[in-house]
Structures are given as C-alpha cells and as structure tokens.
Amino acid sequence: MEILWAPWRIEYILSDKKRGCLFCTALAEKEDEVHYVLYRGQHSFIMMNLYPYNNGHLMIIPYRHVPYLADLTQEEILDVFSEVQRCETILRKAFHPEGFNMGINIGAVAGAGVKDHIHVHIVPRWGGDTNYMTVIAEVRVIPEHIKSTYKTLLPYFHHDQV
C-alpha cells in the first residue's frame, strides 16, 4: 500500500462542519489568511479552493448569499466576471498555465459543494497535470502546499501587478 501525506486535511477533518455557509463565514470572520481570501472587491471576493483540482484553483464569490445567477444584479454580475477576468490574468502571470477550466455548478446534482451561494471556479491547467492517480486511485496530487500558493498569489491582488 502506498501512503500519500496530506497534513492540511486534518484541519478540515476536525473542523465544525455545521457552521453554515463557508463563504459567508469567511466574509464575517475577516481572517483572510485563515480562509485563503485573496481579495475583497465591491460586490464580490476571491478565495482559494481548500480542495483544489490544481494549484491556483480560485473561486470568485458574490457577497450576497444567493443560489442562482438570475438572483444577482447587473452590477454584481459585472463585478464577478470582471474578477474572473482579473484572476485569469493573475494566474497567467504567476503560474504560466497552458489553459483554464472555468465554471459554475448550480445545485448539488450539478456538483456544487456550496449549493446555495453561487460562485465561479477558475482552475489553471497544464499539459500532463492529470495522471493515473486521479483515474485509478481517485487521488489528486497537488504539488504545492496551499499556504505557499496563497503567499505567491496574494501580492498580485494587492500591488497592482496586473
């Protein structure tokens, strides 16, 4: 048997899962480094995904807790998708990906982990970033610790490096 170490998972395992919406909690607690919040804008904020598909997996989330795109105002939609565009630019500069997956999962059956607070995913991709581990063992290998990725990305969101 092969053992894969993921020491950051213990934080999730031991955490209180009944705290409500993780996005609203991150906003209310204002402990951005703890929640991996990279940026707070006018109508939305950007945070890293704690269980990423790849290094640099970001989520753009409107402040308002609503389940559907149709619930957002035009200003909120413009803000969210302007931040998606900004994230793409920052990820290109920081990590030089060869492509991206971007998406919105609406509802649990569509794969939404947080089904009642709409959000957009942006995942940088590189040739060969998927391998047999995901297919055969249902294990994803992330080469950099999330804290290191956060420290790499944070300056791009706060020093107008875009």
Protein backbone atom coordinates (compact mmCIF):
# COMPACT_ATOMS: atom_id res chain seq x y z
CA MET A 1 0.00 0.00 0.00
CA GLU A 2 1.24 3.48 -0.89
CA ILE A 3 0.71 6.28 1.62
CA LEU A 4 0.08 9.84 0.50
CA TRP A 5 0.52 12.53 3.13
CA ALA A 6 -1.87 15.50 3.14
CA PRO A 7 -1.38 17.11 6.56
CA TRP A 8 -3.57 20.13 5.77
CA ARG A 9 -6.63 17.83 5.54
CA ILE A 10 -6.69 17.39 9.33
CA GLU A 11 -7.90 20.98 9.69
CA TYR A 12 -10.98 20.10 7.65
CA ILE A 13 -11.49 16.73 9.33
CA LEU A 14 -11.52 18.31 12.80
CA SER A 15 -13.46 21.44 11.81
CA ASP A 16 -17.07 22.19 12.71
CA LYS A 17 -19.00 21.29 9.55
CA LYS A 18 -22.25 22.77 10.82
CA ARG A 19 -21.10 26.38 10.79
CA GLY A 20 -23.21 27.35 7.82
CA CYS A 21 -22.03 28.75 4.50
CA LEU A 22 -18.24 28.68 4.32
CA PHE A 23 -18.24 31.77 2.09
CA CYS A 24 -20.38 33.81 4.47
CA THR A 25 -18.23 32.60 7.37
CA ALA A 26 -15.06 33.73 5.60
CA LEU A 27 -16.61 37.14 4.96
CA ALA A 28 -17.85 37.60 8.52
CA GLU A 29 -14.68 36.44 10.28
CA LYS A 30 -12.42 38.73 8.24
CA GLU A 31 -9.46 36.40 8.79
CA ASP A 32 -8.41 36.38 5.17
CA GLU A 33 -5.24 34.31 5.56
CA VAL A 34 -7.08 31.64 7.58
CA HIS A 35 -9.76 31.35 4.88
CA TYR A 36 -7.39 31.95 1.95
CA VAL A 37 -9.26 35.07 0.84
CA LEU A 38 -7.06 36.87 -1.67
CA TYR A 39 -9.17 39.92 -2.43
CA ARG A 40 -12.35 41.73 -1.37
CA GLY A 41 -13.92 43.87 -4.08
CA GLN A 42 -17.02 45.99 -4.39
CA HIS A 43 -19.60 43.20 -4.87
CA SER A 44 -17.52 40.02 -4.75
CA PHE A 45 -14.41 38.45 -3.27
CA ILE A 46 -11.81 35.93 -4.35
CA MET A 47 -10.69 32.96 -2.33
CA MET A 48 -8.70 29.83 -2.95
CA ASN A 49 -10.43 26.47 -3.06
CA LEU A 50 -9.40 24.42 0.00
CA TYR A 51 -9.70 21.20 -2.01
CA PRO A 52 -8.34 22.28 -5.38
CA TYR A 53 -8.29 20.43 -8.67
CA ASN A 54 -4.93 22.11 -9.29
CA ASN A 55 -2.64 24.68 -7.72
CA GLY A 56 -4.17 28.12 -8.12
CA HIS A 57 -7.80 26.89 -8.14
CA LEU A 58 -9.71 30.08 -7.28
CA MET A 59 -13.34 30.93 -6.63
CA ILE A 60 -15.00 34.27 -7.30
CA ILE A 61 -17.96 34.74 -4.98
CA PRO A 62 -20.57 37.49 -4.74
CA TYR A 63 -21.01 38.89 -1.24
CA ARG A 64 -24.75 38.23 -1.32
CA HIS A 65 -25.76 34.68 -0.44
CA VAL A 66 -27.90 33.74 -3.45
CA PRO A 67 -28.20 30.39 -5.28
CA TYR A 68 -28.67 31.50 -8.91
CA LEU A 69 -27.12 33.86 -11.44
CA ALA A 70 -30.60 35.26 -12.02
CA ASP A 71 -30.61 36.47 -8.39
CA LEU A 72 -27.63 38.75 -8.97
CA THR A 73 -27.96 42.39 -10.01
CA GLN A 74 -26.27 43.54 -13.20
CA GLU A 75 -23.65 45.33 -11.08
CA GLU A 76 -22.90 42.11 -9.18
CA ILE A 77 -22.63 40.07 -12.38
CA LEU A 78 -20.30 42.63 -13.93
CA ASP A 79 -18.17 42.68 -10.79
CA VAL A 80 -17.98 38.87 -10.52
CA PHE A 81 -17.00 38.37 -14.15
CA SER A 82 -14.56 41.29 -14.10
CA GLU A 83 -12.85 39.47 -11.23
CA VAL A 84 -12.89 36.20 -13.22
CA GLN A 85 -11.06 38.07 -15.98
CA ARG A 86 -8.62 39.53 -13.45
CA CYS A 87 -7.97 36.07 -11.95
CA GLU A 88 -7.17 34.67 -15.38
CA THR A 89 -4.63 37.46 -15.93
CA ILE A 90 -3.05 37.00 -12.50
CA LEU A 91 -2.85 33.22 -12.80
CA ARG A 92 -1.19 33.58 -16.22
CA LYS A 93 1.46 35.87 -14.73
CA ALA A 94 2.00 33.88 -11.54
CA PHE A 95 1.93 30.29 -12.84
CA HIS A 96 2.07 30.37 -16.66
CA PRO A 97 -0.69 27.78 -17.20
CA GLU A 98 -1.34 26.41 -20.67
CA GLY A 99 -5.12 26.68 -20.27
CA PHE A 100 -8.02 27.08 -17.85
CA ASN A 101 -11.24 25.44 -16.78
CA MET A 102 -13.87 27.93 -15.66
CA GLY A 103 -17.30 27.02 -14.44
CA ILE A 104 -20.34 27.44 -12.25
CA ASN A 105 -22.10 24.49 -10.61
CA ILE A 106 -25.70 25.35 -9.74
CA GLY A 107 -27.32 22.86 -7.36
CA ALA A 108 -25.97 19.78 -5.62
CA VAL A 109 -26.76 17.47 -8.57
CA ALA A 110 -24.55 19.68 -10.76
CA GLY A 111 -21.65 19.21 -8.38
CA ALA A 112 -21.98 22.35 -6.27
CA GLY A 113 -20.22 21.79 -2.96
CA VAL A 114 -21.77 25.01 -1.68
CA LYS A 115 -25.15 24.78 -3.34
CA ASP A 116 -26.88 27.91 -2.06
CA HIS A 117 -24.16 30.54 -2.59
CA ILE A 118 -23.32 30.86 -6.26
CA HIS A 119 -19.65 31.12 -7.19
CA VAL A 120 -17.37 30.80 -10.21
CA HIS A 121 -14.40 28.42 -10.33
CA ILE A 122 -11.24 29.12 -12.31
CA VAL A 123 -8.70 26.30 -12.49
CA PRO A 124 -5.33 26.70 -14.22
CA ARG A 125 -4.29 23.71 -16.33
CA TRP A 126 -1.02 22.36 -17.68
CA GLY A 127 -0.30 19.54 -20.10
CA GLY A 128 0.12 16.37 -18.06
CA ASP A 129 -1.44 17.76 -14.88
CA THR A 130 -3.78 14.79 -14.69
CA ASN A 131 -2.44 11.29 -14.38
CA TYR A 132 -3.31 7.75 -13.40
CA MET A 133 -3.66 8.72 -9.71
CA THR A 134 -6.94 10.53 -10.32
CA VAL A 135 -8.29 7.90 -12.70
CA ILE A 136 -7.29 4.71 -10.88
CA ALA A 137 -6.88 5.66 -7.23
CA GLU A 138 -9.29 8.61 -7.08
CA VAL A 139 -6.42 10.62 -5.60
CA ARG A 140 -5.37 14.06 -6.78
CA VAL A 141 -1.74 15.07 -6.47
CA ILE A 142 -1.25 18.78 -5.77
CA PRO A 143 2.46 19.62 -5.98
CA GLU A 144 2.47 22.78 -3.84
CA HIS A 145 1.03 23.34 -0.37
CA ILE A 146 -1.98 25.68 -0.37
CA LYS A 147 -0.24 28.11 2.01
CA SER A 148 2.64 28.51 -0.43
CA THR A 149 0.24 29.11 -3.32
CA TYR A 150 -1.61 31.72 -1.23
CA LYS A 151 1.65 33.56 -0.45
CA THR A 152 2.59 33.51 -4.13
CA LEU A 153 -0.75 34.89 -5.31
CA LEU A 154 -1.51 37.45 -2.58
CA PRO A 155 0.86 40.20 -3.81
CA TYR A 156 -0.70 40.09 -7.28
CA PHE A 157 -4.07 41.01 -5.81
CA HIS A 158 -2.79 43.88 -3.69
CA HIS A 159 0.06 45.56 -5.56
CA ASP A 160 -1.46 46.29 -8.96
CA GLN A 161 0.87 43.84 -10.64
CA VAL A 162 -1.77 43.03 -13.23
